[in-house]
Amino acid sequence: SEVLPEFREYERMSTTVMDAYLKRIVTRYLTRMEALLGQNGVEQFYVMQSNGGVVKAALMKHKPVNMLLSGPAGGVAAANYLSALTGLKKVITFDMGGTSADVSSIINGSVSWTSEGSINGLPIKMPMVDILTVGAGGGSIAWLDEGGALRVGPGSAGAVPGPVCYGLGGTTVTVTDCDLLCGYLDPSYFLGGEMILDAGKARRRVKHFAELLGLSFEETILGVWKIVNANMIKALRVVSVERGLDTRDFTLCAFGGAGPVHAVALAREIGIPNVIVPFAAGVFSAYGILVSDLQQNYSRTHLLRLDECGTEADAVVQTTLGEFAVTAEYELAEQGIAFTEATLIPSVDMRYLGQSYELNVDYTTVADARTRFHQEHQKRYGYAMPTEDVELVTIRLRVLVPRSKPVLTPVSAGKPGKPEEYRDVLFEEGWQRTPIFRREALPAHIECEGPAIIAATDSTTVMPPDTRFSVDSYGNIVIDV
């Protein structure tokens, strides 16, 4: 009743077990961090949550299950902040790291969220940013199935031993190996030069793998690149086309260490006209913690058939929301925050009688929520049944407290920087001599044409032929695909 006061007993049990499993580990870790930070004059610090908001560490110790998907949620929070800063209304986020790719959507400053997810097959019910994850990352392993066909992922080489080119003992061909051999990555400037990639070792391993496939070297490395892209395109379709969204109205926000390498190809395939690669793309999810507001969520299941209870439904909802507000006021006070600083956002989960799934809609009155439910059902599933009985299932309250955001310093304008070098890069059109730029050398408001590659200390951005890109006032790379 404390961890998840909602119905569906199996999900309640698995979520509670997960919370109990994490509590001792997280409490010990956060306590140690508090002590270390305290020695440096930091009295309190915030922890990212799966819901896209932060909470002070002391409160997280009581319910650590809320931080399970906090990393990917940080990326979406950062993208939402960026979209407001740059005036983007519709954004699909694409975060590709070493083991997985995470995608989500933002519409008019509203992040998609859900109350259901899973961790290693275990159902988890808690408020979280609606993120779809696929096993496609830089460390994803290329392999042959029983029929001899080329597959990529979801298995990953991880960071250790990692890709073959890391030189740490990895022996399986990965996406990063193929990105390197396509010429996308600079072996001497990986992580800003802190790590030197072994292209020779990767080349030998890929050539052996190509012999098993019966393909040429180029067909193999480009084939791995295309297959991992196809895996990620499926995820992008789920959060866009399959939800009735027109991708032509969206911008793809690509971040993570590997995201900007693959972003333009994905955008072209799914029909997204523009890509934005944010400043500090490789650590953009961490930046999300800095720009996230404090957020707390409360929920309780009340099964109410609206055709039977009439106006009593509003009384039940208002009473429950009042109880949530009392709890929120107490928990905010524990964090040294006045309740008057908070914004309260009530909502309810509804469904047609007999359905096994619900839709969450904003609440002002039950009658208004019912109308919104019909509209949302029509939008999400393509039909609505206004004459059917509707059931109110769960009452929710989201409490937001704004935090001050870091002020970004505009990038200076200037003349286009000269390419650091030229090298042969493999695109779908074949090998092309391509200019390589250092991101920190690119001033604001420049405009250039692809093919081009922009290398940064934390990520690499690949612009194939027939693209145009510019740098905006905040150092974001904007690409017309």
Protein backbone atom coordinates (compact mmCIF):
# COMPACT_ATOMS: atom_id res chain seq x y z
CA SER A 1 0.00 0.00 0.00
CA GLU A 2 2.98 2.33 0.42
CA VAL A 3 4.91 1.40 -2.72
CA LEU A 4 1.97 0.96 -5.12
CA PRO A 5 -1.58 1.62 -3.85
CA GLU A 6 -3.09 0.49 -7.15
CA PHE A 7 -4.86 -2.62 -8.39
CA ARG A 8 -3.37 -5.56 -10.36
CA GLU A 9 -1.81 -7.67 -7.65
CA TYR A 10 1.00 -9.28 -9.64
CA GLU A 11 2.33 -5.90 -10.74
CA ARG A 12 2.01 -4.62 -7.16
CA MET A 13 3.98 -7.59 -5.89
CA SER A 14 6.78 -7.39 -8.47
CA THR A 15 7.15 -3.62 -8.01
CA THR A 16 7.25 -3.96 -4.23
CA VAL A 17 9.81 -6.77 -4.41
CA MET A 18 11.98 -4.69 -6.74
CA ASP A 19 11.75 -1.74 -4.35
CA ALA A 20 12.73 -3.93 -1.40
CA TYR A 21 15.63 -5.41 -3.36
CA LEU A 22 16.98 -1.96 -4.17
CA LYS A 23 16.35 -0.22 -0.86
CA ARG A 24 19.37 -1.46 1.06
CA ILE A 25 21.77 -0.96 -1.85
CA VAL A 26 20.48 2.50 -2.77
CA THR A 27 20.28 3.69 0.83
CA ARG A 28 23.88 2.68 1.48
CA TYR A 29 25.04 4.32 -1.74
CA LEU A 30 23.17 7.59 -1.21
CA THR A 31 24.27 7.79 2.42
CA ARG A 32 27.89 7.44 1.34
CA MET A 33 27.40 10.13 -1.31
CA GLU A 34 25.80 12.45 1.23
CA ALA A 35 28.84 12.06 3.47
CA LEU A 36 31.33 12.68 0.66
CA LEU A 37 29.44 15.68 -0.69
CA GLY A 38 28.97 17.02 2.82
CA GLN A 39 32.73 17.14 3.25
CA ASN A 40 32.77 19.52 0.28
CA GLY A 41 30.05 21.78 1.61
CA VAL A 42 27.09 20.26 -0.27
CA GLU A 43 24.27 19.84 2.23
CA GLN A 44 21.66 18.22 -0.02
CA PHE A 45 21.62 16.85 -3.55
CA TYR A 46 18.99 15.75 -6.03
CA VAL A 47 18.44 12.36 -7.64
CA MET A 48 16.80 11.82 -11.03
CA GLN A 49 13.61 9.77 -11.15
CA SER A 50 11.99 7.70 -13.88
CA ASN A 51 9.15 10.24 -14.06
CA GLY A 52 11.42 12.90 -15.52
CA GLY A 53 11.72 14.94 -12.33
CA VAL A 54 14.16 15.06 -9.46
CA VAL A 55 13.75 14.56 -5.75
CA LYS A 56 16.12 15.14 -2.87
CA ALA A 57 18.22 12.10 -2.05
CA ALA A 58 16.88 11.68 1.47
CA LEU A 59 13.38 11.02 0.11
CA MET A 60 14.60 8.63 -2.59
CA LYS A 61 15.88 6.25 0.09
CA HIS A 62 12.26 5.46 0.99
CA LYS A 63 11.22 4.44 -2.54
CA PRO A 64 14.24 3.64 -4.74
CA VAL A 65 12.15 1.84 -7.36
CA ASN A 66 11.35 5.32 -8.68
CA MET A 67 14.88 5.72 -10.05
CA LEU A 68 15.03 2.52 -12.14
CA LEU A 69 14.81 4.27 -15.52
CA SER A 70 16.19 7.62 -14.41
CA GLY A 71 19.05 7.71 -16.93
CA PRO A 72 16.92 7.60 -20.10
CA ALA A 73 14.37 9.89 -18.44
CA GLY A 74 17.12 12.48 -17.96
CA GLY A 75 17.71 12.53 -21.70
CA VAL A 76 14.05 13.21 -22.45
CA ALA A 77 13.97 15.94 -19.79
CA ALA A 78 17.00 17.59 -21.38
CA ALA A 79 15.41 17.35 -24.84
CA ASN A 80 12.24 18.95 -23.52
CA TYR A 81 14.26 21.84 -22.11
CA LEU A 82 16.11 22.17 -25.41
CA SER A 83 12.88 22.18 -27.41
CA ALA A 84 11.55 25.06 -25.30
CA LEU A 85 14.82 26.93 -25.71
CA THR A 86 14.87 26.55 -29.50
CA GLY A 87 11.14 26.81 -30.18
CA LEU A 88 10.64 23.23 -31.36
CA LYS A 89 7.04 22.07 -30.91
CA LYS A 90 7.26 18.40 -31.84
CA VAL A 91 10.32 16.31 -31.07
CA ILE A 92 11.20 12.63 -31.17
CA THR A 93 14.13 11.84 -28.89
CA PHE A 94 16.77 9.31 -29.89
CA ASP A 95 19.38 8.31 -27.31
CA MET A 96 21.87 5.69 -28.49
CA GLY A 97 24.63 4.57 -26.18
CA GLY A 98 26.73 1.46 -25.84
CA THR A 99 24.09 -1.18 -25.18
CA SER A 100 20.70 0.22 -26.14
CA ALA A 101 18.75 2.94 -27.91
CA ASP A 102 15.91 4.81 -26.19
CA VAL A 103 13.21 6.71 -28.05
CA SER A 104 10.33 8.89 -26.89
CA SER A 105 8.25 11.86 -28.05
CA ILE A 106 7.57 15.41 -26.89
CA ILE A 107 4.61 17.44 -28.17
CA ASN A 108 4.16 21.11 -27.31
CA GLY A 109 6.33 20.81 -24.22
CA SER A 110 4.47 17.76 -22.94
CA VAL A 111 6.52 14.61 -22.36
CA SER A 112 4.83 11.27 -23.01
CA TRP A 113 4.54 9.23 -19.84
CA THR A 114 3.14 5.92 -18.69
CA SER A 115 2.60 4.02 -15.46
CA GLU A 116 3.64 0.61 -16.77
CA GLY A 117 7.01 -0.80 -17.75
CA SER A 118 9.26 -3.80 -17.24
CA ILE A 119 12.78 -4.59 -16.09
CA ASN A 120 14.24 -7.88 -17.33
CA GLY A 121 10.73 -9.17 -17.95
CA LEU A 122 9.37 -8.16 -14.54
CA PRO A 123 6.40 -5.77 -14.72
CA ILE A 124 6.96 -2.48 -12.93
CA LYS A 125 4.13 -0.02 -12.23
CA MET A 126 5.18 3.50 -11.42
CA PRO A 127 4.97 6.90 -13.12
CA MET A 128 7.69 7.03 -15.75
CA VAL A 129 8.56 8.78 -18.98
CA ASP A 130 7.18 6.67 -21.84
CA ILE A 131 10.42 5.42 -23.37
CA LEU A 132 10.79 2.52 -25.77
CA THR A 133 14.13 0.73 -25.49
CA VAL A 134 15.70 -1.60 -28.04
CA GLY A 135 18.93 -3.59 -27.77
CA ALA A 136 20.83 -1.52 -30.33
CA GLY A 137 23.97 0.31 -29.27
CA GLY A 138 27.59 0.79 -30.13
CA GLY A 139 28.46 -2.45 -28.37
CA SER A 140 25.74 -4.51 -30.08
CA ILE A 141 27.23 -7.72 -31.44
CA ALA A 142 26.95 -8.80 -35.09
CA TRP A 143 26.25 -12.54 -35.44
CA LEU A 144 24.95 -15.23 -37.77
CA ASP A 145 21.65 -16.95 -37.09
CA GLU A 146 20.97 -20.63 -37.81
CA GLY A 147 20.06 -19.80 -41.39
CA GLY A 148 23.31 -17.95 -41.98
CA ALA A 149 21.68 -14.50 -42.00
CA LEU A 150 23.39 -11.46 -40.50
CA ARG A 151 21.89 -10.21 -37.23
CA VAL A 152 22.87 -7.37 -34.90
CA GLY A 153 22.03 -7.32 -31.17
CA PRO A 154 20.44 -7.40 -28.73
CA GLY A 155 23.54 -8.95 -27.16
CA SER A 156 26.23 -6.41 -26.32
CA ALA A 157 29.97 -6.54 -25.74
CA GLY A 158 29.51 -3.89 -23.06
CA ALA A 159 32.32 -1.57 -22.04
CA VAL A 160 34.61 -4.45 -21.02
CA PRO A 161 35.79 -6.25 -23.05
CA GLY A 162 33.84 -4.03 -25.43
CA PRO A 163 34.27 -3.77 -29.21
CA VAL A 164 37.31 -5.34 -30.85
CA CYS A 165 38.77 -1.89 -31.55
CA TYR A 166 38.93 -1.10 -27.81
CA GLY A 167 41.82 -3.53 -27.51
CA LEU A 168 40.51 -4.82 -24.17
CA GLY A 169 40.05 -8.43 -25.23
CA GLY A 170 36.85 -8.17 -27.24
CA THR A 171 36.63 -10.73 -30.05
CA THR A 172 33.15 -10.18 -31.52
CA VAL A 173 32.35 -7.66 -34.25
CA THR A 174 30.22 -4.79 -32.96
CA VAL A 175 28.49 -1.70 -34.33
CA THR A 176 31.32 0.52 -33.06
CA ASP A 177 33.88 -1.57 -34.95
CA CYS A 178 31.91 -1.11 -38.16
CA ASP A 179 31.34 2.61 -37.53
CA LEU A 180 35.09 2.97 -37.14
CA LEU A 181 35.89 1.04 -40.31
CA CYS A 182 33.29 3.02 -42.29
CA GLY A 183 35.37 6.07 -41.40
CA TYR A 184 32.77 7.67 -39.14
CA LEU A 185 34.97 7.59 -36.03
CA ASP A 186 38.45 9.02 -35.66
CA PRO A 187 40.64 6.33 -34.02
CA SER A 188 42.94 8.97 -32.53
CA TYR A 189 40.17 11.28 -31.23
CA PHE A 190 37.83 8.84 -29.47
CA LEU A 191 36.82 10.41 -26.13
CA GLY A 192 38.79 13.44 -27.20
CA GLY A 193 41.94 11.39 -27.68
CA GLU A 194 41.88 9.74 -24.26
CA MET A 195 41.36 6.35 -25.91
CA ILE A 196 43.04 5.20 -29.12
CA LEU A 197 40.98 2.76 -31.19
CA ASP A 198 42.74 -0.17 -32.84
CA ALA A 199 41.41 -0.07 -36.41
CA GLY A 200 43.80 -2.78 -37.57
CA LYS A 201 42.57 -5.32 -35.06
CA ALA A 202 38.94 -4.48 -35.90
CA ARG A 203 39.65 -4.78 -39.63
CA ARG A 204 41.16 -8.26 -39.26
CA ARG A 205 38.20 -9.48 -37.21
CA VAL A 206 35.65 -8.02 -39.64
CA LYS A 207 37.40 -9.58 -42.64
CA HIS A 208 37.19 -12.99 -40.96
CA PHE A 209 33.50 -12.36 -40.20
CA ALA A 210 32.90 -11.29 -43.82
CA GLU A 211 34.31 -14.62 -45.02
CA LEU A 212 31.77 -16.46 -42.87
CA LEU A 213 29.01 -14.33 -44.39
CA GLY A 214 30.28 -14.70 -47.94
CA LEU A 215 30.29 -10.91 -48.31
CA SER A 216 32.90 -8.32 -49.15
CA PHE A 217 34.48 -6.17 -46.45
CA GLU A 218 32.41 -3.12 -47.45
CA GLU A 219 29.18 -5.11 -47.68
CA THR A 220 29.75 -6.43 -44.18
CA ILE A 221 30.46 -3.17 -42.37
CA LEU A 222 27.69 -1.32 -44.21
CA GLY A 223 25.36 -4.28 -43.67
CA VAL A 224 25.88 -4.17 -39.90
CA TRP A 225 25.21 -0.42 -39.98
CA LYS A 226 21.99 -0.89 -41.98
CA ILE A 227 20.68 -3.71 -39.78
CA VAL A 228 21.19 -1.88 -36.51
CA ASN A 229 19.49 1.13 -38.10
CA ALA A 230 16.54 -1.06 -39.11
CA ASN A 231 16.19 -2.26 -35.52
CA MET A 232 16.02 1.32 -34.28
CA ILE A 233 13.64 2.44 -37.01
CA LYS A 234 11.10 -0.07 -35.70
CA ALA A 235 11.21 1.65 -32.32
CA LEU A 236 10.87 5.09 -33.89
CA ARG A 237 7.77 3.92 -35.78
CA VAL A 238 6.17 2.66 -32.57
CA VAL A 239 6.41 6.05 -30.83
CA SER A 240 5.33 8.00 -33.90
CA VAL A 241 3.50 6.43 -36.85
CA GLU A 242 1.81 3.70 -34.82
CA ARG A 243 0.44 6.37 -32.48
CA GLY A 244 -1.04 8.40 -35.29
CA LEU A 245 1.74 11.00 -35.43
CA ASP A 246 2.98 12.45 -38.71
CA THR A 247 6.77 12.25 -38.65
CA ARG A 248 7.01 15.08 -41.19
CA ASP A 249 5.98 17.46 -38.42
CA PHE A 250 8.77 16.38 -36.05
CA THR A 251 12.45 17.02 -35.41
CA LEU A 252 14.70 14.17 -34.32
CA CYS A 253 16.78 15.10 -31.27
CA ALA A 254 19.80 12.77 -31.33
CA PHE A 255 22.17 12.32 -28.42
CA GLY A 256 24.17 9.72 -26.56
CA GLY A 257 27.64 8.67 -27.64
CA ALA A 258 26.42 6.86 -30.78
CA GLY A 259 23.12 8.63 -31.52
CA PRO A 260 24.45 11.37 -33.81
CA VAL A 261 26.34 8.78 -35.89
CA HIS A 262 23.11 7.09 -36.99
CA ALA A 263 20.53 9.88 -36.65
CA VAL A 264 20.41 11.25 -40.20
CA ALA A 265 19.98 7.80 -41.75
CA LEU A 266 17.10 7.06 -39.37
CA ALA A 267 15.44 10.42 -40.01
CA ARG A 268 15.58 9.89 -43.77
CA GLU A 269 14.11 6.42 -43.52
CA ILE A 270 11.17 7.40 -41.33
CA GLY A 271 10.45 10.76 -42.99
CA ILE A 272 11.66 13.21 -40.35
CA PRO A 273 12.93 16.35 -42.14
CA ASN A 274 15.32 17.72 -39.51
CA VAL A 275 17.79 16.47 -36.92
CA ILE A 276 19.14 18.48 -34.00
CA VAL A 277 22.27 17.28 -32.21
CA PRO A 278 22.47 19.15 -28.89
CA PHE A 279 25.57 20.56 -27.28
CA ALA A 280 27.27 17.98 -25.05
CA ALA A 281 25.35 15.25 -26.88
CA GLY A 282 27.30 12.41 -25.30
CA VAL A 283 26.38 13.48 -21.76
CA PHE A 284 23.02 15.04 -22.56
CA SER A 285 21.09 12.72 -20.22
CA ALA A 286 23.21 13.93 -17.31
CA TYR A 287 22.44 17.50 -18.33
CA GLY A 288 18.76 16.61 -17.95
CA ILE A 289 19.20 16.37 -14.20
CA LEU A 290 20.27 20.02 -14.09
CA VAL A 291 17.18 21.24 -15.95
CA SER A 292 14.52 19.00 -14.35
CA ASP A 293 11.99 20.30 -11.87
CA LEU A 294 11.31 18.58 -8.59
CA GLN A 295 8.45 16.13 -9.08
CA GLN A 296 6.45 13.81 -6.83
CA ASN A 297 3.62 11.50 -7.85
CA TYR A 298 0.72 10.05 -5.89
CA SER A 299 -1.90 7.53 -6.98
CA ARG A 300 -4.67 5.30 -5.65
CA THR A 301 -7.11 2.96 -7.36
CA HIS A 302 -10.84 3.66 -6.98
CA LEU A 303 -13.00 1.60 -9.34
CA LEU A 304 -16.04 3.75 -10.12
CA ARG A 305 -18.65 3.07 -12.81
CA LEU A 306 -19.62 6.54 -13.90
CA ASP A 307 -23.12 5.55 -15.04
CA GLU A 308 -23.89 4.27 -11.52
CA CYS A 309 -22.22 6.72 -9.14
CA GLY A 310 -23.15 10.01 -10.83
CA THR A 311 -21.95 13.11 -8.98
CA GLU A 312 -20.49 10.98 -6.18
CA ALA A 313 -17.49 10.31 -8.41
CA ASP A 314 -16.35 13.93 -8.17
CA ALA A 315 -16.61 13.79 -4.38
CA VAL A 316 -14.43 10.66 -4.25
CA VAL A 317 -11.83 12.20 -6.56
CA GLN A 318 -11.72 15.50 -4.68
CA THR A 319 -11.37 13.75 -1.31
CA THR A 320 -8.54 11.57 -2.60
CA LEU A 321 -6.74 14.52 -4.17
CA GLY A 322 -7.04 16.37 -0.87
CA GLU A 323 -5.35 13.48 0.94
CA PHE A 324 -2.59 13.46 -1.66
CA ALA A 325 -2.07 17.20 -1.15
CA VAL A 326 -1.64 16.74 2.60
CA THR A 327 1.01 14.07 2.02
CA ALA A 328 2.74 16.21 -0.59
CA GLU A 329 2.85 19.20 1.75
CA TYR A 330 4.51 17.06 4.43
CA GLU A 331 7.07 15.55 2.05
CA LEU A 332 7.93 18.92 0.54
CA ALA A 333 8.44 20.34 4.02
CA GLU A 334 10.89 17.51 4.70
CA GLN A 335 12.89 18.81 1.75
CA GLY A 336 12.70 22.40 2.95
CA ILE A 337 10.20 23.44 0.27
CA ALA A 338 7.04 25.47 0.88
CA PHE A 339 3.84 23.90 -0.45
CA THR A 340 2.90 27.25 -2.00
CA GLU A 341 5.75 26.82 -4.50
CA ALA A 342 4.17 23.67 -5.94
CA THR A 343 1.92 23.22 -8.96
CA LEU A 344 -0.65 20.43 -8.61
CA ILE A 345 -1.68 18.48 -11.73
CA PRO A 346 -4.55 16.04 -11.10
CA SER A 347 -5.47 13.29 -13.56
CA VAL A 348 -7.46 10.06 -13.72
CA ASP A 349 -7.11 6.73 -15.51
CA MET A 350 -10.27 5.70 -17.37
CA ARG A 351 -11.42 2.83 -19.57
CA TYR A 352 -14.53 1.50 -21.23
CA LEU A 353 -16.24 -1.06 -19.04
CA GLY A 354 -14.70 -4.46 -19.74
CA GLN A 355 -11.41 -3.17 -21.13
CA SER A 356 -8.14 -4.36 -19.60
CA TYR A 357 -6.18 -1.15 -20.29
CA GLU A 358 -6.66 2.46 -19.28
CA LEU A 359 -5.91 5.92 -20.62
CA ASN A 360 -4.78 8.78 -18.42
CA VAL A 361 -6.50 12.16 -18.90
CA ASP A 362 -6.35 15.47 -17.08
CA TYR A 363 -8.99 16.03 -14.40
CA THR A 364 -11.06 19.12 -13.68
CA THR A 365 -14.41 17.39 -13.27
CA VAL A 366 -15.42 13.82 -13.97
CA ALA A 367 -17.65 14.96 -16.83
CA ASP A 368 -14.78 16.84 -18.49
CA ALA A 369 -12.42 13.92 -17.94
CA ARG A 370 -14.92 11.58 -19.56
CA THR A 371 -15.06 13.80 -22.65
CA ARG A 372 -11.26 13.91 -22.81
CA PHE A 373 -11.15 10.14 -22.48
CA HIS A 374 -13.35 9.65 -25.56
CA GLN A 375 -11.18 12.11 -27.50
CA GLU A 376 -7.93 10.46 -26.42
CA HIS A 377 -9.27 6.99 -27.22
CA GLN A 378 -10.20 8.18 -30.71
CA LYS A 379 -6.75 9.69 -31.17
CA ARG A 380 -4.82 6.70 -29.82
CA TYR A 381 -6.83 3.78 -31.20
CA GLY A 382 -8.82 5.27 -34.06
CA TYR A 383 -12.27 4.86 -32.50
CA ALA A 384 -14.39 5.95 -29.54
CA MET A 385 -17.65 4.67 -28.02
CA PRO A 386 -19.39 7.69 -26.45
CA THR A 387 -22.53 5.69 -25.60
CA GLU A 388 -20.64 2.96 -23.70
CA ASP A 389 -20.19 2.90 -19.93
CA VAL A 390 -16.92 4.41 -18.70
CA GLU A 391 -15.06 3.31 -15.59
CA LEU A 392 -12.80 5.55 -13.54
CA VAL A 393 -9.93 3.38 -12.33
CA THR A 394 -7.09 5.33 -10.70
CA ILE A 395 -6.76 8.85 -9.32
CA ARG A 396 -3.38 10.56 -9.70
CA LEU A 397 -1.71 13.76 -8.57
CA ARG A 398 1.54 15.11 -9.97
CA VAL A 399 3.29 17.75 -7.87
CA LEU A 400 5.83 19.99 -9.61
CA VAL A 401 8.18 22.49 -8.00
CA PRO A 402 10.23 24.56 -10.46
CA ARG A 403 13.98 24.80 -9.98
CA SER A 404 16.36 27.39 -11.35
CA LYS A 405 17.94 26.33 -14.63
CA PRO A 406 21.51 26.87 -15.78
CA VAL A 407 21.91 29.82 -18.12
CA LEU A 408 23.45 28.82 -21.43
CA THR A 409 26.08 31.10 -22.90
CA PRO A 410 25.51 31.73 -26.62
CA VAL A 411 28.22 30.52 -28.98
CA SER A 412 30.16 33.26 -30.73
CA ALA A 413 29.59 33.76 -34.43
CA GLY A 414 32.49 33.73 -36.83
CA LYS A 415 33.91 32.35 -40.02
CA PRO A 416 33.58 28.64 -40.72
CA GLY A 417 36.46 26.69 -39.26
CA LYS A 418 38.69 24.79 -41.64
CA PRO A 419 38.38 21.00 -41.69
CA GLU A 420 40.82 19.28 -39.35
CA GLU A 421 41.48 16.72 -42.05
CA TYR A 422 39.92 14.80 -44.92
CA ARG A 423 39.43 11.04 -44.95
CA ASP A 424 37.64 8.39 -46.96
CA VAL A 425 34.21 7.60 -45.49
CA LEU A 426 31.82 4.87 -46.60
CA PHE A 427 28.26 6.01 -47.25
CA GLU A 428 25.52 4.15 -49.08
CA GLU A 429 26.70 5.92 -52.23
CA GLY A 430 30.19 4.45 -51.75
CA TRP A 431 33.51 5.78 -50.44
CA GLN A 432 33.77 9.58 -50.49
CA ARG A 433 36.52 11.98 -49.49
CA THR A 434 34.95 13.77 -46.53
CA PRO A 435 35.94 16.82 -44.46
CA ILE A 436 36.30 16.26 -40.71
CA PHE A 437 35.53 19.19 -38.41
CA ARG A 438 36.18 19.63 -34.69
CA ARG A 439 32.94 20.63 -33.04
CA GLU A 440 34.55 23.15 -30.71
CA ALA A 441 35.98 24.97 -33.74
CA LEU A 442 32.58 25.56 -35.36
CA PRO A 443 31.15 29.04 -34.67
CA ALA A 444 27.46 29.84 -34.52
CA HIS A 445 25.39 30.56 -37.63
CA ILE A 446 27.64 28.79 -40.11
CA GLU A 447 26.04 26.74 -42.86
CA CYS A 448 27.71 23.86 -44.69
CA GLU A 449 26.80 20.94 -46.92
CA GLY A 450 27.41 17.24 -46.47
CA PRO A 451 29.13 14.96 -46.66
CA ALA A 452 30.85 16.00 -43.45
CA ILE A 453 31.70 14.61 -40.05
CA ILE A 454 31.85 16.64 -36.86
CA ALA A 455 33.95 15.07 -34.12
CA ALA A 456 33.53 16.04 -30.47
CA THR A 457 35.04 14.69 -27.28
CA ASP A 458 31.81 12.93 -26.35
CA SER A 459 30.16 12.06 -29.70
CA THR A 460 30.49 12.14 -33.48
CA THR A 461 27.91 13.55 -35.90
CA VAL A 462 27.71 12.05 -39.39
CA MET A 463 26.23 14.06 -42.28
CA PRO A 464 25.88 11.97 -45.47
CA PRO A 465 25.83 13.53 -48.95
CA ASP A 466 22.89 15.81 -49.83
CA THR A 467 22.46 17.15 -46.31
CA ARG A 468 22.82 20.70 -45.06
CA PHE A 469 23.78 21.63 -41.53
CA SER A 470 24.22 24.73 -39.43
CA VAL A 471 25.15 25.63 -35.86
CA ASP A 472 22.63 27.64 -33.85
CA SER A 473 23.25 30.23 -31.16
CA TYR A 474 23.64 27.61 -28.42
CA GLY A 475 26.02 25.32 -30.27
CA ASN A 476 23.42 22.79 -31.39
CA ILE A 477 23.96 21.22 -34.81
CA VAL A 478 20.82 21.52 -36.95
CA ILE A 479 20.69 19.21 -39.98
CA ASP A 480 18.32 19.30 -42.95
CA VAL A 481 18.24 15.70 -44.08
